[in-house]
Amino acid sequence: MQKNVTLIVGYMAYIFSITVTSILVLSVLAASFELPDKLELLLSVFVIFTITFIATGIAIKLGLFRQRKRR
């Protein structure tokens, strides 16, 4: 039971960290640069993908996404 709660909290922290970091980075970039709409969309997709990739790598290193062993 406690392991399930720990996993749920870990997943919530994972999603929260991606969301907050993406919002912060995108708001700083929007305040710093005046970009055309298409370039802004492309930059947003790239930033979100990069942050998700980094957060997933950290989560794997911390053991959040453990593989279950098949019997």
PDB file of N, CA and C in Angstrom:
ATOM      1  N   MET A   1       0.824  -1.192   0.000  1.00  0.00           N
ATOM      2  CA  MET A   1       0.000   0.000   0.000  1.00  0.00           C
ATOM      3  C   MET A   1       0.869   1.258   0.000  1.00  0.00           C
ATOM      4  N   GLN A   2       1.894   1.271   0.858  1.00  0.00           N
ATOM      5  CA  GLN A   2       2.750   2.446   0.938  1.00  0.00           C
ATOM      6  C   GLN A   2       3.555   2.610  -0.350  1.00  0.00           C
ATOM      7  N   LYS A   3       3.912   1.499  -0.995  1.00  0.00           N
ATOM      8  CA  LYS A   3       4.657   1.581  -2.247  1.00  0.00           C
ATOM      9  C   LYS A   3       3.792   2.190  -3.343  1.00  0.00           C
ATOM     10  N   ASN A   4       2.487   1.862  -3.348  1.00  0.00           N
ATOM     11  CA  ASN A   4       1.578   2.445  -4.337  1.00  0.00           C
ATOM     12  C   ASN A   4       1.428   3.951  -4.129  1.00  0.00           C
ATOM     13  N   VAL A   5       1.325   4.370  -2.876  1.00  0.00           N
ATOM     14  CA  VAL A   5       1.214   5.795  -2.575  1.00  0.00           C
ATOM     15  C   VAL A   5       2.489   6.516  -2.999  1.00  0.00           C
ATOM     16  N   THR A   6       3.623   5.904  -2.756  1.00  0.00           N
ATOM     17  CA  THR A   6       4.895   6.495  -3.157  1.00  0.00           C
ATOM     18  C   THR A   6       4.973   6.644  -4.673  1.00  0.00           C
ATOM     19  N   LEU A   7       4.505   5.634  -5.403  1.00  0.00           N
ATOM     20  CA  LEU A   7       4.494   5.716  -6.860  1.00  0.00           C
ATOM     21  C   LEU A   7       3.575   6.823  -7.348  1.00  0.00           C
ATOM     22  N   ILE A   8       2.392   6.933  -6.755  1.00  0.00           N
ATOM     23  CA  ILE A   8       1.450   7.976  -7.158  1.00  0.00           C
ATOM     24  C   ILE A   8       2.035   9.359  -6.901  1.00  0.00           C
ATOM     25  N   VAL A   9       2.645   9.544  -5.743  1.00  0.00           N
ATOM     26  CA  VAL A   9       3.272  10.831  -5.424  1.00  0.00           C
ATOM     27  C   VAL A   9       4.434  11.108  -6.386  1.00  0.00           C
ATOM     28  N   GLY A  10       5.177  10.090  -6.728  1.00  0.00           N
ATOM     29  CA  GLY A  10       6.276  10.248  -7.680  1.00  0.00           C
ATOM     30  C   GLY A  10       5.777  10.656  -9.054  1.00  0.00           C
ATOM     31  N   TYR A  11       4.708  10.016  -9.521  1.00  0.00           N
ATOM     32  CA  TYR A  11       4.137  10.382 -10.820  1.00  0.00           C
ATOM     33  C   TYR A  11       3.582  11.802 -10.797  1.00  0.00           C
ATOM     34  N   MET A  12       2.953  12.183  -9.697  1.00  0.00           N
ATOM     35  CA  MET A  12       2.413  13.544  -9.584  1.00  0.00           C
ATOM     36  C   MET A  12       3.546  14.568  -9.595  1.00  0.00           C
ATOM     37  N   ALA A  13       4.632  14.276  -8.900  1.00  0.00           N
ATOM     38  CA  ALA A  13       5.785  15.179  -8.891  1.00  0.00           C
ATOM     39  C   ALA A  13       6.413  15.262 -10.277  1.00  0.00           C
ATOM     40  N   TYR A  14       6.454  14.136 -10.992  1.00  0.00           N
ATOM     41  CA  TYR A  14       6.989  14.101 -12.352  1.00  0.00           C
ATOM     42  C   TYR A  14       6.176  15.010 -13.276  1.00  0.00           C
ATOM     43  N   ILE A  15       4.860  14.865 -13.260  1.00  0.00           N
ATOM     44  CA  ILE A  15       3.990  15.675 -14.111  1.00  0.00           C
ATOM     45  C   ILE A  15       4.042  17.145 -13.693  1.00  0.00           C
ATOM     46  N   PHE A  16       4.034  17.400 -12.391  1.00  0.00           N
ATOM     47  CA  PHE A  16       4.085  18.769 -11.882  1.00  0.00           C
ATOM     48  C   PHE A  16       5.388  19.457 -12.282  1.00  0.00           C
ATOM     49  N   SER A  17       6.497  18.740 -12.192  1.00  0.00           N
ATOM     50  CA  SER A  17       7.787  19.351 -12.539  1.00  0.00           C
ATOM     51  C   SER A  17       7.855  19.684 -14.025  1.00  0.00           C
ATOM     52  N   ILE A  18       7.325  18.824 -14.878  1.00  0.00           N
ATOM     53  CA  ILE A  18       7.299  19.114 -16.314  1.00  0.00           C
ATOM     54  C   ILE A  18       6.432  20.336 -16.587  1.00  0.00           C
ATOM     55  N   THR A  19       5.262  20.387 -15.965  1.00  0.00           N
ATOM     56  CA  THR A  19       4.335  21.501 -16.200  1.00  0.00           C
ATOM     57  C   THR A  19       4.932  22.826 -15.743  1.00  0.00           C
ATOM     58  N   VAL A  20       5.430  22.871 -14.521  1.00  0.00           N
ATOM     59  CA  VAL A  20       5.957  24.118 -13.970  1.00  0.00           C
ATOM     60  C   VAL A  20       7.193  24.582 -14.737  1.00  0.00           C
ATOM     61  N   THR A  21       8.099  23.666 -15.025  1.00  0.00           N
ATOM     62  CA  THR A  21       9.312  24.039 -15.741  1.00  0.00           C
ATOM     63  C   THR A  21       8.989  24.548 -17.150  1.00  0.00           C
ATOM     64  N   SER A  22       8.058  23.881 -17.824  1.00  0.00           N
ATOM     65  CA  SER A  22       7.662  24.324 -19.166  1.00  0.00           C
ATOM     66  C   SER A  22       7.056  25.717 -19.131  1.00  0.00           C
ATOM     67  N   ILE A  23       6.173  25.965 -18.188  1.00  0.00           N
ATOM     68  CA  ILE A  23       5.539  27.279 -18.082  1.00  0.00           C
ATOM     69  C   ILE A  23       6.576  28.354 -17.790  1.00  0.00           C
ATOM     70  N   LEU A  24       7.491  28.076 -16.874  1.00  0.00           N
ATOM     71  CA  LEU A  24       8.514  29.070 -16.535  1.00  0.00           C
ATOM     72  C   LEU A  24       9.428  29.375 -17.716  1.00  0.00           C
ATOM     73  N   VAL A  25       9.914  28.341 -18.382  1.00  0.00           N
ATOM     74  CA  VAL A  25      10.830  28.547 -19.504  1.00  0.00           C
ATOM     75  C   VAL A  25      10.126  29.274 -20.638  1.00  0.00           C
ATOM     76  N   LEU A  26       8.895  28.868 -20.955  1.00  0.00           N
ATOM     77  CA  LEU A  26       8.178  29.501 -22.059  1.00  0.00           C
ATOM     78  C   LEU A  26       7.811  30.949 -21.742  1.00  0.00           C
ATOM     79  N   SER A  27       7.482  31.241 -20.493  1.00  0.00           N
ATOM     80  CA  SER A  27       7.158  32.626 -20.155  1.00  0.00           C
ATOM     81  C   SER A  27       8.397  33.515 -20.199  1.00  0.00           C
ATOM     82  N   VAL A  28       9.539  32.997 -19.786  1.00  0.00           N
ATOM     83  CA  VAL A  28      10.782  33.771 -19.880  1.00  0.00           C
ATOM     84  C   VAL A  28      11.152  34.013 -21.339  1.00  0.00           C
ATOM     85  N   LEU A  29      11.006  32.987 -22.168  1.00  0.00           N
ATOM     86  CA  LEU A  29      11.314  33.157 -23.588  1.00  0.00           C
ATOM     87  C   LEU A  29      10.348  34.134 -24.259  1.00  0.00           C
ATOM     88  N   ALA A  30       9.069  34.077 -23.899  1.00  0.00           N
ATOM     89  CA  ALA A  30       8.085  34.985 -24.489  1.00  0.00           C
ATOM     90  C   ALA A  30       8.351  36.430 -24.070  1.00  0.00           C
ATOM     91  N   ALA A  31       8.819  36.623 -22.838  1.00  0.00           N
ATOM     92  CA  ALA A  31       9.114  37.974 -22.366  1.00  0.00           C
ATOM     93  C   ALA A  31      10.423  38.511 -22.964  1.00  0.00           C
ATOM     94  N   SER A  32      11.313  37.606 -23.308  1.00  0.00           N
ATOM     95  CA  SER A  32      12.625  38.029 -23.801  1.00  0.00           C
ATOM     96  C   SER A  32      12.653  38.278 -25.298  1.00  0.00           C
ATOM     97  N   PHE A  33      11.878  37.499 -26.047  1.00  0.00           N
ATOM     98  CA  PHE A  33      11.945  37.565 -27.503  1.00  0.00           C
ATOM     99  C   PHE A  33      10.561  37.798 -28.090  1.00  0.00           C
ATOM    100  N   GLU A  34      10.514  38.551 -29.172  1.00  0.00           N
ATOM    101  CA  GLU A  34       9.283  38.757 -29.927  1.00  0.00           C
ATOM    102  C   GLU A  34       9.389  37.883 -31.172  1.00  0.00           C
ATOM    103  N   LEU A  35       8.722  36.735 -31.151  1.00  0.00           N
ATOM    104  CA  LEU A  35       8.850  35.767 -32.234  1.00  0.00           C
ATOM    105  C   LEU A  35       7.572  35.700 -33.055  1.00  0.00           C
ATOM    106  N   PRO A  36       7.703  35.348 -34.340  1.00  0.00           N
ATOM    107  CA  PRO A  36       6.499  35.103 -35.142  1.00  0.00           C
ATOM    108  C   PRO A  36       5.737  33.889 -34.605  1.00  0.00           C
ATOM    109  N   ASP A  37       4.466  33.781 -34.959  1.00  0.00           N
ATOM    110  CA  ASP A  37       3.615  32.723 -34.399  1.00  0.00           C
ATOM    111  C   ASP A  37       4.145  31.323 -34.676  1.00  0.00           C
ATOM    112  N   LYS A  38       4.549  31.062 -35.914  1.00  0.00           N
ATOM    113  CA  LYS A  38       5.021  29.710 -36.257  1.00  0.00           C
ATOM    114  C   LYS A  38       6.307  29.365 -35.527  1.00  0.00           C
ATOM    115  N   LEU A  39       7.194  30.313 -35.416  1.00  0.00           N
ATOM    116  CA  LEU A  39       8.451  30.064 -34.706  1.00  0.00           C
ATOM    117  C   LEU A  39       8.201  29.888 -33.215  1.00  0.00           C
ATOM    118  N   GLU A  40       7.258  30.648 -32.672  1.00  0.00           N
ATOM    119  CA  GLU A  40       6.908  30.500 -31.258  1.00  0.00           C
ATOM    120  C   GLU A  40       6.308  29.127 -30.980  1.00  0.00           C
ATOM    121  N   LEU A  41       5.469  28.648 -31.884  1.00  0.00           N
ATOM    122  CA  LEU A  41       4.888  27.312 -31.731  1.00  0.00           C
ATOM    123  C   LEU A  41       5.964  26.244 -31.810  1.00  0.00           C
ATOM    124  N   LEU A  42       6.875  26.381 -32.761  1.00  0.00           N
ATOM    125  CA  LEU A  42       7.967  25.424 -32.901  1.00  0.00           C
ATOM    126  C   LEU A  42       8.867  25.431 -31.671  1.00  0.00           C
ATOM    127  N   LEU A  43       9.164  26.602 -31.154  1.00  0.00           N
ATOM    128  CA  LEU A  43       9.978  26.714 -29.945  1.00  0.00           C
ATOM    129  C   LEU A  43       9.263  26.097 -28.745  1.00  0.00           C
ATOM    130  N   SER A  44       7.968  26.307 -28.633  1.00  0.00           N
ATOM    131  CA  SER A  44       7.194  25.733 -27.529  1.00  0.00           C
ATOM    132  C   SER A  44       7.231  24.211 -27.566  1.00  0.00           C
ATOM    133  N   VAL A  45       7.035  23.643 -28.744  1.00  0.00           N
ATOM    134  CA  VAL A  45       7.080  22.179 -28.883  1.00  0.00           C
ATOM    135  C   VAL A  45       8.466  21.656 -28.531  1.00  0.00           C
ATOM    136  N   PHE A  46       9.499  22.334 -29.004  1.00  0.00           N
ATOM    137  CA  PHE A  46      10.864  21.904 -28.714  1.00  0.00           C
ATOM    138  C   PHE A  46      11.173  21.979 -27.222  1.00  0.00           C
ATOM    139  N   VAL A  47      10.754  23.058 -26.568  1.00  0.00           N
ATOM    140  CA  VAL A  47      11.015  23.218 -25.129  1.00  0.00           C
ATOM    141  C   VAL A  47      10.288  22.143 -24.329  1.00  0.00           C
ATOM    142  N   ILE A  48       9.024  21.909 -24.641  1.00  0.00           N
ATOM    143  CA  ILE A  48       8.250  20.898 -23.897  1.00  0.00           C
ATOM    144  C   ILE A  48       8.833  19.512 -24.127  1.00  0.00           C
ATOM    145  N   PHE A  49       9.211  19.188 -25.367  1.00  0.00           N
ATOM    146  CA  PHE A  49       9.819  17.889 -25.648  1.00  0.00           C
ATOM    147  C   PHE A  49      11.138  17.721 -24.886  1.00  0.00           C
ATOM    148  N   THR A  50      11.966  18.753 -24.894  1.00  0.00           N
ATOM    149  CA  THR A  50      13.265  18.675 -24.222  1.00  0.00           C
ATOM    150  C   THR A  50      13.105  18.511 -22.714  1.00  0.00           C
ATOM    151  N   ILE A  51      12.198  19.286 -22.118  1.00  0.00           N
ATOM    152  CA  ILE A  51      11.979  19.183 -20.678  1.00  0.00           C
ATOM    153  C   ILE A  51      11.420  17.810 -20.311  1.00  0.00           C
ATOM    154  N   THR A  52      10.496  17.303 -21.113  1.00  0.00           N
ATOM    155  CA  THR A  52       9.936  15.972 -20.859  1.00  0.00           C
ATOM    156  C   THR A  52      11.017  14.901 -20.979  1.00  0.00           C
ATOM    157  N   PHE A  53      11.878  15.031 -21.980  1.00  0.00           N
ATOM    158  CA  PHE A  53      12.970  14.075 -22.172  1.00  0.00           C
ATOM    159  C   PHE A  53      13.918  14.069 -20.981  1.00  0.00           C
ATOM    160  N   ILE A  54      14.293  15.252 -20.509  1.00  0.00           N
ATOM    161  CA  ILE A  54      15.194  15.357 -19.353  1.00  0.00           C
ATOM    162  C   ILE A  54      14.524  14.820 -18.086  1.00  0.00           C
ATOM    163  N   ALA A  55      13.252  15.190 -17.868  1.00  0.00           N
ATOM    164  CA  ALA A  55      12.538  14.723 -16.673  1.00  0.00           C
ATOM    165  C   ALA A  55      12.363  13.209 -16.694  1.00  0.00           C
ATOM    166  N   THR A  56      12.130  12.634 -17.868  1.00  0.00           N
ATOM    167  CA  THR A  56      11.999  11.181 -17.968  1.00  0.00           C
ATOM    168  C   THR A  56      13.314  10.494 -17.654  1.00  0.00           C
ATOM    169  N   GLY A  57      14.409  11.053 -18.139  1.00  0.00           N
ATOM    170  CA  GLY A  57      15.720  10.481 -17.820  1.00  0.00           C
ATOM    171  C   GLY A  57      16.018  10.526 -16.332  1.00  0.00           C
ATOM    172  N   ILE A  58      15.675  11.624 -15.695  1.00  0.00           N
ATOM    173  CA  ILE A  58      15.873  11.739 -14.244  1.00  0.00           C
ATOM    174  C   ILE A  58      14.972  10.753 -13.495  1.00  0.00           C
ATOM    175  N   ALA A  59      13.718  10.641 -13.947  1.00  0.00           N
ATOM    176  CA  ALA A  59      12.782   9.715 -13.285  1.00  0.00           C
ATOM    177  C   ALA A  59      13.241   8.268 -13.424  1.00  0.00           C
ATOM    178  N   ILE A  60      13.798   7.921 -14.567  1.00  0.00           N
ATOM    179  CA  ILE A  60      14.317   6.553 -14.748  1.00  0.00           C
ATOM    180  C   ILE A  60      15.510   6.326 -13.833  1.00  0.00           C
ATOM    181  N   LYS A  61      16.399   7.319 -13.735  1.00  0.00           N
ATOM    182  CA  LYS A  61      17.564   7.184 -12.850  1.00  0.00           C
ATOM    183  C   LYS A  61      17.137   7.054 -11.383  1.00  0.00           C
ATOM    184  N   LEU A  62      16.053   7.740 -11.005  1.00  0.00           N
ATOM    185  CA  LEU A  62      15.577   7.659  -9.629  1.00  0.00           C
ATOM    186  C   LEU A  62      14.733   6.413  -9.371  1.00  0.00           C
ATOM    187  N   GLY A  63      14.437   5.652 -10.425  1.00  0.00           N
ATOM    188  CA  GLY A  63      13.693   4.408 -10.262  1.00  0.00           C
ATOM    189  C   GLY A  63      12.189   4.585 -10.237  1.00  0.00           C
ATOM    190  N   LEU A  64      11.684   5.685 -10.774  1.00  0.00           N
ATOM    191  CA  LEU A  64      10.241   5.898 -10.775  1.00  0.00           C
ATOM    192  C   LEU A  64       9.547   4.969 -11.759  1.00  0.00           C
ATOM    193  N   PHE A  65      10.174   4.720 -12.895  1.00  0.00           N
ATOM    194  CA  PHE A  65       9.587   3.853 -13.911  1.00  0.00           C
ATOM    195  C   PHE A  65      10.274   2.497 -13.887  1.00  0.00           C
ATOM    196  N   ARG A  66      10.059   1.771 -12.850  1.00  0.00           N
ATOM    197  CA  ARG A  66      10.672   0.449 -12.739  1.00  0.00           C
ATOM    198  C   ARG A  66       9.918  -0.544 -13.605  1.00  0.00           C
ATOM    199  N   GLN A  67      10.677  -1.429 -14.210  1.00  0.00           N
ATOM    200  CA  GLN A  67      10.077  -2.474 -15.013  1.00  0.00           C
ATOM    201  C   GLN A  67       9.670  -3.619 -14.086  1.00  0.00           C
ATOM    202  N   ARG A  68       8.462  -4.094 -14.267  1.00  0.00           N
ATOM    203  CA  ARG A  68       8.010  -5.236 -13.470  1.00  0.00           C
ATOM    204  C   ARG A  68       8.535  -6.501 -14.108  1.00  0.00           C
ATOM    205  N   LYS A  69       9.018  -7.401 -13.278  1.00  0.00           N
ATOM    206  CA  LYS A  69       9.569  -8.648 -13.781  1.00  0.00           C
ATOM    207  C   LYS A  69       8.430  -9.623 -14.068  1.00  0.00           C
ATOM    208  N   ARG A  70       8.511 -10.247 -15.226  1.00  0.00           N
ATOM    209  CA  ARG A  70       7.502 -11.242 -15.579  1.00  0.00           C
ATOM    210  C   ARG A  70       7.895 -12.584 -15.002  1.00  0.00           C
ATOM    211  N   ARG A  71       6.905 -13.329 -14.636  1.00  0.00           N
ATOM    212  CA  ARG A  71       7.177 -14.651 -14.061  1.00  0.00           C
ATOM    213  C   ARG A  71       6.994 -15.732 -15.091  1.00  0.00           C
TER     214      ARG A  71
END
